Amino acid sequence: MYRDEPLHRYLDDLASAQPAPGGGSASALCGAMGAALVSMVARLTLGKAKYADVQAEIEELLQETERLRDRFQTLMQEDIEAYGKLSAAFKLPRDTDEEIFARTNAVQTQLVEAALVPLAVVECAATLAKCCRRMAEIGNVNVLSDVATASVLASSAGQGAAWMVRVNVRSIKDLEMVSVLNDRLNKALEDISLVSQEVTDIIGRRA
């Protein structure tokens, strides 16, 4: 797994001609970096007398951003694996009616999985954006620029992964599933957009 490898190994593979890792895992990496930045700000707020009244909430935020950081790293690998399964399904034989039927079912199953993984990235990015908003409100004022950067990374993670969802959803034949996936995607993207602007406004007032 890439989480156990040096970062340059992942970046070298990302830059190569191989189709994976690609945009989905790169978006998850953005999310992981954003979560790490909010964790840093939390740790630079803990133990400071000036922020004594919010220590308990900062601790909770730190636990959440560390959970998100771990989740994003897992999603990096899951996105690569989902792409691999989808590619394998497309390569199944289709010389007979039975093979065509089996291949179609396999492709449709893997398309849903290949959409669900980046969708999870978008939804985690929405959660991270909300953590950024609260940290912007109560975190150490001296490192608000890092919260702003984390917010940008959360937005990038969400927007990037959204394209991976869309490219897979457009080939899914189950219209009910398509509706569910699109509804979840649009809700998460709306949250990210709204909250990101709020983070900018809050930091503008506090900085």
C-alpha atoms as a PDB file:
ATOM      1  CA  MET A   1       0.000   0.000   0.000  1.00  0.00           C
ATOM      2  CA  TYR A   2       1.190   3.498  -0.792  1.00  0.00           C
ATOM      3  CA  ARG A   3       0.630   4.669   2.780  1.00  0.00           C
ATOM      4  CA  ASP A   4       3.586   2.493   3.766  1.00  0.00           C
ATOM      5  CA  GLU A   5       5.818   3.784   0.948  1.00  0.00           C
ATOM      6  CA  PRO A   6       7.805   7.029   0.555  1.00  0.00           C
ATOM      7  CA  LEU A   7       5.733   9.816  -0.988  1.00  0.00           C
ATOM      8  CA  HIS A   8       8.013  10.010  -4.038  1.00  0.00           C
ATOM      9  CA  ARG A   9       7.056   6.411  -4.920  1.00  0.00           C
ATOM     10  CA  TYR A  10       3.408   7.394  -5.197  1.00  0.00           C
ATOM     11  CA  LEU A  11       4.215  10.573  -7.124  1.00  0.00           C
ATOM     12  CA  ASP A  12       6.439   8.688  -9.553  1.00  0.00           C
ATOM     13  CA  ASP A  13       3.637   6.233 -10.240  1.00  0.00           C
ATOM     14  CA  LEU A  14       1.118   9.054 -10.524  1.00  0.00           C
ATOM     15  CA  ALA A  15       3.315  10.689 -13.165  1.00  0.00           C
ATOM     16  CA  SER A  16       3.817   7.464 -15.124  1.00  0.00           C
ATOM     17  CA  ALA A  17       1.887   6.249 -18.163  1.00  0.00           C
ATOM     18  CA  GLN A  18      -0.038   3.703 -16.109  1.00  0.00           C
ATOM     19  CA  PRO A  19      -3.710   4.657 -15.563  1.00  0.00           C
ATOM     20  CA  ALA A  20      -3.639   4.160 -11.782  1.00  0.00           C
ATOM     21  CA  PRO A  21      -3.017   5.815  -9.428  1.00  0.00           C
ATOM     22  CA  GLY A  22      -5.006   8.672 -10.901  1.00  0.00           C
ATOM     23  CA  GLY A  23      -7.320  11.515 -10.025  1.00  0.00           C
ATOM     24  CA  GLY A  24      -9.286   9.680  -7.362  1.00  0.00           C
ATOM     25  CA  SER A  25      -6.322   8.736  -5.204  1.00  0.00           C
ATOM     26  CA  ALA A  26      -4.712  12.136  -5.808  1.00  0.00           C
ATOM     27  CA  SER A  27      -7.888  13.772  -4.505  1.00  0.00           C
ATOM     28  CA  ALA A  28      -7.773  11.549  -1.433  1.00  0.00           C
ATOM     29  CA  LEU A  29      -4.162  12.603  -0.858  1.00  0.00           C
ATOM     30  CA  CYS A  30      -5.291  16.244  -0.926  1.00  0.00           C
ATOM     31  CA  GLY A  31      -7.842  15.391   1.738  1.00  0.00           C
ATOM     32  CA  ALA A  32      -5.248  13.628   3.886  1.00  0.00           C
ATOM     33  CA  MET A  33      -2.943  16.652   3.726  1.00  0.00           C
ATOM     34  CA  GLY A  34      -5.806  18.973   4.607  1.00  0.00           C
ATOM     35  CA  ALA A  35      -6.755  16.854   7.595  1.00  0.00           C
ATOM     36  CA  ALA A  36      -3.117  16.761   8.717  1.00  0.00           C
ATOM     37  CA  LEU A  37      -2.943  20.557   8.642  1.00  0.00           C
ATOM     38  CA  VAL A  38      -6.022  20.915  10.817  1.00  0.00           C
ATOM     39  CA  SER A  39      -4.516  18.392  13.227  1.00  0.00           C
ATOM     40  CA  MET A  40      -1.389  20.533  13.364  1.00  0.00           C
ATOM     41  CA  VAL A  41      -3.414  23.627  14.198  1.00  0.00           C
ATOM     42  CA  ALA A  42      -5.257  21.684  16.892  1.00  0.00           C
ATOM     43  CA  ARG A  43      -1.984  20.639  18.495  1.00  0.00           C
ATOM     44  CA  LEU A  44      -0.732  24.231  18.341  1.00  0.00           C
ATOM     45  CA  THR A  45      -3.888  25.324  20.157  1.00  0.00           C
ATOM     46  CA  LEU A  46      -3.873  22.703  22.891  1.00  0.00           C
ATOM     47  CA  GLY A  47      -2.179  23.749  26.110  1.00  0.00           C
ATOM     48  CA  LYS A  48      -2.389  27.466  25.313  1.00  0.00           C
ATOM     49  CA  ALA A  49      -3.873  29.500  28.158  1.00  0.00           C
ATOM     50  CA  LYS A  50      -5.485  31.882  25.674  1.00  0.00           C
ATOM     51  CA  TYR A  51      -7.640  29.016  24.411  1.00  0.00           C
ATOM     52  CA  ALA A  52      -8.329  27.326  27.747  1.00  0.00           C
ATOM     53  CA  ASP A  53     -12.102  27.486  27.325  1.00  0.00           C
ATOM     54  CA  VAL A  54     -12.076  25.484  24.081  1.00  0.00           C
ATOM     55  CA  GLN A  55      -9.541  22.784  24.963  1.00  0.00           C
ATOM     56  CA  ALA A  56     -12.134  19.999  25.128  1.00  0.00           C
ATOM     57  CA  GLU A  57     -13.562  20.883  21.732  1.00  0.00           C
ATOM     58  CA  ILE A  58     -10.111  21.162  20.217  1.00  0.00           C
ATOM     59  CA  GLU A  59      -9.381  17.654  21.469  1.00  0.00           C
ATOM     60  CA  GLU A  60     -12.546  16.411  19.772  1.00  0.00           C
ATOM     61  CA  LEU A  61     -11.613  18.152  16.538  1.00  0.00           C
ATOM     62  CA  LEU A  62      -8.150  16.594  16.671  1.00  0.00           C
ATOM     63  CA  GLN A  63      -9.643  13.122  17.060  1.00  0.00           C
ATOM     64  CA  GLU A  64     -11.936  13.764  14.096  1.00  0.00           C
ATOM     65  CA  THR A  65      -9.243  15.130  11.797  1.00  0.00           C
ATOM     66  CA  GLU A  66      -6.935  12.248  12.652  1.00  0.00           C
ATOM     67  CA  ARG A  67      -9.775   9.846  11.841  1.00  0.00           C
ATOM     68  CA  LEU A  68     -10.271  11.639   8.516  1.00  0.00           C
ATOM     69  CA  ARG A  69      -6.557  11.592   7.760  1.00  0.00           C
ATOM     70  CA  ASP A  70      -6.523   7.824   8.205  1.00  0.00           C
ATOM     71  CA  ARG A  71      -9.706   7.417   6.150  1.00  0.00           C
ATOM     72  CA  PHE A  72      -8.364   9.487   3.259  1.00  0.00           C
ATOM     73  CA  GLN A  73      -5.188   7.386   3.180  1.00  0.00           C
ATOM     74  CA  THR A  74      -7.272   4.219   3.045  1.00  0.00           C
ATOM     75  CA  LEU A  75      -9.389   5.682   0.242  1.00  0.00           C
ATOM     76  CA  MET A  76      -6.228   6.374  -1.773  1.00  0.00           C
ATOM     77  CA  GLN A  77      -5.611   2.637  -1.965  1.00  0.00           C
ATOM     78  CA  GLU A  78      -9.273   1.703  -2.343  1.00  0.00           C
ATOM     79  CA  ASP A  79      -9.582   3.963  -5.382  1.00  0.00           C
ATOM     80  CA  ILE A  80      -6.644   2.270  -7.079  1.00  0.00           C
ATOM     81  CA  GLU A  81      -8.086  -1.165  -6.303  1.00  0.00           C
ATOM     82  CA  ALA A  82     -11.557  -0.192  -7.550  1.00  0.00           C
ATOM     83  CA  TYR A  83     -10.075   0.967 -10.839  1.00  0.00           C
ATOM     84  CA  GLY A  84      -8.178  -2.293 -11.161  1.00  0.00           C
ATOM     85  CA  LYS A  85     -11.338  -4.349 -10.657  1.00  0.00           C
ATOM     86  CA  LEU A  86     -13.235  -2.253 -13.195  1.00  0.00           C
ATOM     87  CA  SER A  87     -10.444  -2.638 -15.755  1.00  0.00           C
ATOM     88  CA  ALA A  88     -10.438  -6.386 -15.187  1.00  0.00           C
ATOM     89  CA  ALA A  89     -14.208  -6.527 -15.713  1.00  0.00           C
ATOM     90  CA  PHE A  90     -13.895  -4.719 -19.040  1.00  0.00           C
ATOM     91  CA  LYS A  91     -11.334  -7.317 -20.172  1.00  0.00           C
ATOM     92  CA  LEU A  92     -13.632 -10.293 -19.558  1.00  0.00           C
ATOM     93  CA  PRO A  93     -14.424 -12.350 -22.653  1.00  0.00           C
ATOM     94  CA  ARG A  94     -17.598 -11.640 -24.619  1.00  0.00           C
ATOM     95  CA  ASP A  95     -17.682 -14.277 -27.325  1.00  0.00           C
ATOM     96  CA  THR A  96     -20.908 -15.962 -26.227  1.00  0.00           C
ATOM     97  CA  ASP A  97     -24.222 -14.706 -24.884  1.00  0.00           C
ATOM     98  CA  GLU A  98     -23.338 -16.115 -21.469  1.00  0.00           C
ATOM     99  CA  GLU A  99     -19.994 -14.345 -21.458  1.00  0.00           C
ATOM    100  CA  ILE A 100     -21.579 -11.086 -22.568  1.00  0.00           C
ATOM    101  CA  PHE A 101     -24.150 -11.357 -19.764  1.00  0.00           C
ATOM    102  CA  ALA A 102     -21.482 -12.107 -17.162  1.00  0.00           C
ATOM    103  CA  ARG A 103     -19.234  -9.319 -18.399  1.00  0.00           C
ATOM    104  CA  THR A 104     -22.068  -6.775 -18.371  1.00  0.00           C
ATOM    105  CA  ASN A 105     -23.011  -7.664 -14.802  1.00  0.00           C
ATOM    106  CA  ALA A 106     -19.396  -7.530 -13.669  1.00  0.00           C
ATOM    107  CA  VAL A 107     -18.828  -4.139 -15.297  1.00  0.00           C
ATOM    108  CA  GLN A 108     -21.994  -2.687 -13.786  1.00  0.00           C
ATOM    109  CA  THR A 109     -21.067  -3.962 -10.329  1.00  0.00           C
ATOM    110  CA  GLN A 110     -17.575  -2.514 -10.551  1.00  0.00           C
ATOM    111  CA  LEU A 111     -18.831   0.806 -11.934  1.00  0.00           C
ATOM    112  CA  VAL A 112     -20.847   1.284  -8.761  1.00  0.00           C
ATOM    113  CA  GLU A 113     -17.830   0.467  -6.595  1.00  0.00           C
ATOM    114  CA  ALA A 114     -15.638   2.763  -8.684  1.00  0.00           C
ATOM    115  CA  ALA A 115     -18.150   5.554  -8.055  1.00  0.00           C
ATOM    116  CA  LEU A 116     -18.646   4.856  -4.349  1.00  0.00           C
ATOM    117  CA  VAL A 117     -14.970   5.178  -3.451  1.00  0.00           C
ATOM    118  CA  PRO A 118     -14.453   8.720  -4.802  1.00  0.00           C
ATOM    119  CA  LEU A 119     -17.905   9.608  -3.455  1.00  0.00           C
ATOM    120  CA  ALA A 120     -16.593   8.686  -0.020  1.00  0.00           C
ATOM    121  CA  VAL A 121     -13.680  11.055  -0.670  1.00  0.00           C
ATOM    122  CA  VAL A 122     -16.123  13.875  -1.468  1.00  0.00           C
ATOM    123  CA  GLU A 123     -18.182  13.189   1.657  1.00  0.00           C
ATOM    124  CA  CYS A 124     -15.077  13.023   3.850  1.00  0.00           C
ATOM    125  CA  ALA A 125     -13.963  16.305   2.279  1.00  0.00           C
ATOM    126  CA  ALA A 126     -17.277  17.870   3.320  1.00  0.00           C
ATOM    127  CA  THR A 127     -16.715  16.686   6.873  1.00  0.00           C
ATOM    128  CA  LEU A 128     -13.169  18.046   6.802  1.00  0.00           C
ATOM    129  CA  ALA A 129     -14.438  21.397   5.535  1.00  0.00           C
ATOM    130  CA  LYS A 130     -16.698  21.631   8.586  1.00  0.00           C
ATOM    131  CA  CYS A 131     -13.739  20.856  10.844  1.00  0.00           C
ATOM    132  CA  CYS A 132     -11.868  23.680   9.110  1.00  0.00           C
ATOM    133  CA  ARG A 133     -14.754  26.045   9.781  1.00  0.00           C
ATOM    134  CA  ARG A 134     -14.822  25.309  13.498  1.00  0.00           C
ATOM    135  CA  MET A 135     -11.035  25.438  13.776  1.00  0.00           C
ATOM    136  CA  ALA A 136     -11.109  28.796  12.012  1.00  0.00           C
ATOM    137  CA  GLU A 137     -13.500  29.999  14.711  1.00  0.00           C
ATOM    138  CA  ILE A 138     -11.668  28.742  17.809  1.00  0.00           C
ATOM    139  CA  GLY A 139      -8.154  27.681  16.786  1.00  0.00           C
ATOM    140  CA  ASN A 140      -4.835  29.398  17.375  1.00  0.00           C
ATOM    141  CA  VAL A 141      -5.033  32.709  15.515  1.00  0.00           C
ATOM    142  CA  ASN A 142      -1.327  32.569  14.680  1.00  0.00           C
ATOM    143  CA  VAL A 143      -1.810  29.604  12.320  1.00  0.00           C
ATOM    144  CA  LEU A 144      -5.089  30.486  10.631  1.00  0.00           C
ATOM    145  CA  SER A 145      -3.302  30.510   7.288  1.00  0.00           C
ATOM    146  CA  ASP A 146      -2.842  26.766   7.726  1.00  0.00           C
ATOM    147  CA  VAL A 147      -6.571  26.354   8.325  1.00  0.00           C
ATOM    148  CA  ALA A 148      -7.175  28.332   5.132  1.00  0.00           C
ATOM    149  CA  THR A 149      -4.822  26.010   3.255  1.00  0.00           C
ATOM    150  CA  ALA A 150      -6.564  22.969   4.740  1.00  0.00           C
ATOM    151  CA  SER A 151      -9.887  24.342   3.557  1.00  0.00           C
ATOM    152  CA  VAL A 152      -8.533  24.757   0.011  1.00  0.00           C
ATOM    153  CA  LEU A 153      -7.215  21.187   0.095  1.00  0.00           C
ATOM    154  CA  ALA A 154     -10.581  19.895   1.326  1.00  0.00           C
ATOM    155  CA  SER A 155     -12.302  21.696  -1.534  1.00  0.00           C
ATOM    156  CA  SER A 156      -9.782  20.343  -4.036  1.00  0.00           C
ATOM    157  CA  ALA A 157     -10.259  16.819  -2.706  1.00  0.00           C
ATOM    158  CA  GLY A 158     -14.017  17.113  -3.084  1.00  0.00           C
ATOM    159  CA  GLN A 159     -14.019  18.741  -6.495  1.00  0.00           C
ATOM    160  CA  GLY A 160     -11.411  16.371  -7.901  1.00  0.00           C
ATOM    161  CA  ALA A 161     -13.061  13.202  -6.612  1.00  0.00           C
ATOM    162  CA  ALA A 162     -16.438  14.433  -7.875  1.00  0.00           C
ATOM    163  CA  TRP A 163     -15.173  14.106 -11.443  1.00  0.00           C
ATOM    164  CA  MET A 164     -14.268  10.483 -10.771  1.00  0.00           C
ATOM    165  CA  VAL A 165     -17.791   9.859  -9.493  1.00  0.00           C
ATOM    166  CA  ARG A 166     -19.348  11.470 -12.554  1.00  0.00           C
ATOM    167  CA  VAL A 167     -17.274   9.548 -15.094  1.00  0.00           C
ATOM    168  CA  ASN A 168     -18.409   6.245 -13.587  1.00  0.00           C
ATOM    169  CA  VAL A 169     -22.026   7.200 -12.892  1.00  0.00           C
ATOM    170  CA  ARG A 170     -22.671   8.089 -16.516  1.00  0.00           C
ATOM    171  CA  SER A 171     -22.170   4.423 -17.500  1.00  0.00           C
ATOM    172  CA  ILE A 172     -24.322   2.898 -14.722  1.00  0.00           C
ATOM    173  CA  LYS A 173     -27.586   1.497 -16.053  1.00  0.00           C
ATOM    174  CA  ASP A 174     -29.409   1.298 -12.704  1.00  0.00           C
ATOM    175  CA  LEU A 175     -31.181   4.663 -12.762  1.00  0.00           C
ATOM    176  CA  GLU A 176     -32.244   4.417  -9.120  1.00  0.00           C
ATOM    177  CA  MET A 177     -28.623   3.928  -8.089  1.00  0.00           C
ATOM    178  CA  VAL A 178     -27.584   6.821 -10.330  1.00  0.00           C
ATOM    179  CA  SER A 179     -30.125   9.058  -8.592  1.00  0.00           C
ATOM    180  CA  VAL A 180     -28.897   8.047  -5.130  1.00  0.00           C
ATOM    181  CA  LEU A 181     -25.259   8.615  -6.042  1.00  0.00           C
ATOM    182  CA  ASN A 182     -25.944  11.977  -7.661  1.00  0.00           C
ATOM    183  CA  ASP A 183     -28.001  13.165  -4.689  1.00  0.00           C
ATOM    184  CA  ARG A 184     -25.208  12.270  -2.272  1.00  0.00           C
ATOM    185  CA  LEU A 185     -22.627  13.904  -4.498  1.00  0.00           C
ATOM    186  CA  ASN A 186     -24.548  17.142  -4.927  1.00  0.00           C
ATOM    187  CA  LYS A 187     -25.258  17.409  -1.187  1.00  0.00           C
ATOM    188  CA  ALA A 188     -21.589  16.970  -0.294  1.00  0.00           C
ATOM    189  CA  LEU A 189     -20.437  19.455  -2.940  1.00  0.00           C
ATOM    190  CA  GLU A 190     -22.970  22.039  -1.770  1.00  0.00           C
ATOM    191  CA  ASP A 191     -21.708  21.649   1.800  1.00  0.00           C
ATOM    192  CA  ILE A 192     -18.102  22.070   0.692  1.00  0.00           C
ATOM    193  CA  SER A 193     -18.878  25.190  -1.326  1.00  0.00           C
ATOM    194  CA  LEU A 194     -20.854  26.854   1.456  1.00  0.00           C
ATOM    195  CA  VAL A 195     -18.476  25.954   4.259  1.00  0.00           C
ATOM    196  CA  SER A 196     -15.362  26.914   2.302  1.00  0.00           C
ATOM    197  CA  GLN A 197     -16.716  30.421   1.852  1.00  0.00           C
ATOM    198  CA  GLU A 198     -17.538  30.603   5.549  1.00  0.00           C
ATOM    199  CA  VAL A 199     -13.966  29.605   6.407  1.00  0.00           C
ATOM    200  CA  THR A 200     -12.668  32.430   4.232  1.00  0.00           C
ATOM    201  CA  ASP A 201     -14.988  34.924   5.896  1.00  0.00           C
ATOM    202  CA  ILE A 202     -14.129  33.789   9.427  1.00  0.00           C
ATOM    203  CA  ILE A 203     -10.391  33.901   8.852  1.00  0.00           C
ATOM    204  CA  GLY A 204     -10.762  37.324   7.234  1.00  0.00           C
ATOM    205  CA  ARG A 205     -12.333  38.601  10.440  1.00  0.00           C
ATOM    206  CA  ARG A 206      -9.917  36.934  12.869  1.00  0.00           C
ATOM    207  CA  ALA A 207      -6.591  37.244  11.062  1.00  0.00           C
END
